Structure formats: structure tokens, C-alpha cells
Protein backbone atom coordinates (compact mmCIF):
# COMPACT_ATOMS: atom_id res chain seq x y z
CA UNK A 1 -5.49 8.70 32.66
CA UNK A 2 -3.25 6.09 31.16
CA UNK A 3 0.40 5.51 31.93
CA UNK A 4 3.26 4.06 29.99
CA UNK A 5 6.68 2.77 30.80
CA UNK A 6 9.53 4.88 29.38
CA UNK A 7 12.84 3.05 28.96
CA UNK A 8 15.85 5.03 30.20
CA UNK A 9 19.56 4.83 29.63
CA UNK A 10 21.28 5.33 32.98
CA UNK A 11 24.95 5.65 33.96
CA UNK A 12 25.62 4.13 37.35
CA UNK A 13 28.63 3.61 39.61
CA UNK A 14 29.09 0.04 40.80
CA UNK A 15 30.81 -0.67 44.10
CA UNK A 16 32.87 -3.72 45.07
CA UNK A 17 30.10 -4.94 47.39
CA UNK A 18 27.73 -5.22 44.40
CA UNK A 19 25.68 -2.13 45.19
CA UNK A 20 25.25 0.63 42.61
CA UNK A 21 24.19 4.27 42.44
CA UNK A 22 22.65 5.98 39.39
CA UNK A 23 24.58 9.13 38.42
CA UNK A 24 23.21 10.31 35.06
CA UNK A 25 20.03 9.74 33.04
CA UNK A 26 19.80 10.00 29.26
CA UNK A 27 16.39 10.92 27.88
CA UNK A 28 15.87 11.80 24.21
CA UNK A 29 19.67 11.58 23.82
CA UNK A 30 20.19 14.38 26.34
CA UNK A 31 22.13 13.75 29.58
CA UNK A 32 20.70 14.81 32.94
CA UNK A 33 22.87 14.72 36.06
CA UNK A 34 21.32 13.22 39.17
CA UNK A 35 22.03 15.87 41.79
CA UNK A 36 20.94 13.78 44.76
CA UNK A 37 19.28 10.50 45.64
CA UNK A 38 16.44 11.22 48.03
CA UNK A 39 15.08 7.72 48.63
CA UNK A 40 15.64 4.10 47.57
CA UNK A 41 13.01 1.43 48.17
CA UNK A 42 11.50 -1.65 46.60
CA UNK A 43 8.29 -0.46 44.96
CA UNK A 44 6.22 -1.60 41.99
CA UNK A 45 4.17 1.10 40.26
CA UNK A 46 0.80 -0.59 39.67
CA UNK A 47 0.02 1.43 36.53
CA UNK A 48 2.63 -0.33 34.33
CA UNK A 49 3.89 -3.87 34.03
CA UNK A 50 7.10 -4.61 35.91
CA UNK A 51 8.74 -7.27 38.08
CA UNK A 52 9.92 -6.26 41.57
CA UNK A 53 11.74 -3.01 40.69
CA UNK A 54 13.69 -0.71 42.97
CA UNK A 55 12.35 2.84 43.00
CA UNK A 56 14.86 5.69 43.17
CA UNK A 57 13.49 9.10 44.05
CA UNK A 58 16.10 11.49 42.69
CA UNK A 59 16.67 15.20 42.27
CA UNK A 60 17.43 16.21 38.65
CA UNK A 61 17.92 19.89 37.82
CA UNK A 62 15.94 20.85 40.92
CA UNK A 63 12.98 18.58 40.11
CA UNK A 64 12.11 15.43 42.00
CA UNK A 65 11.79 12.38 39.70
CA UNK A 66 11.14 8.70 40.19
CA UNK A 67 13.16 6.15 38.22
CA UNK A 68 13.05 2.39 38.54
CA UNK A 69 15.59 -0.39 38.16
CA UNK A 70 14.20 -3.81 37.28
CA UNK A 71 16.82 -6.50 37.98
CA UNK A 72 14.76 -9.21 36.25
CA UNK A 73 15.19 -7.47 32.87
CA UNK A 74 18.30 -5.43 33.84
CA UNK A 75 16.56 -2.23 32.68
CA UNK A 76 15.86 1.27 33.95
CA UNK A 77 12.55 3.03 33.33
CA UNK A 78 10.25 5.84 34.41
CA UNK A 79 6.47 6.11 34.25
CA UNK A 80 4.78 8.79 32.17
CA UNK A 81 1.17 9.89 32.27
CA UNK A 82 -0.37 10.10 28.81
CA UNK A 83 -3.76 10.89 27.30
CA UNK A 84 -6.18 8.12 26.41
CA UNK A 85 -6.17 7.94 22.62
């Protein structure tokens, strides 16, 4: 299998101490509420190129998803499995 990096638009709440929490994801112009953050950790998915991202394991509409924040590029992304073509 091959994998690709999918750029995401994310709404987040920023706190006065500099921390932030993602609240909503936009994918294909559709908003998805993040119901709960399950886990936050530094983790680099080896199947796509990235620089020291933070992995957020979140619950969205009852499904567990992994999204990543890469401070180096100030971007959010997910990883999608795709066919070799």
C-alpha cells in the first residue's frame, strides 16, 4: 500500500499559555466536530514526509481518527491509504 498526506483545515482554540486544542476539522468543505481528544503525543508517521508533528487521536462522529499538527510548516494533516497506481 501507499500513503499520502492529506492537508486539513482545522479550527482550534488557543489558550493564554500558548497551548491549543483542535475543535473542528474541515474535509472536502464539510465541517466535522471533534467530540473528544483521546490522546496527544509527539509522533511522526513514517509513511509520509513530515517534520516532528504532534499526533492527535480524536473522536469524530463516533470514529477514532488521527490528525497531525506540524509546527515547522504550521499545517494540519491526516494520512490516507491509497492504491498503488
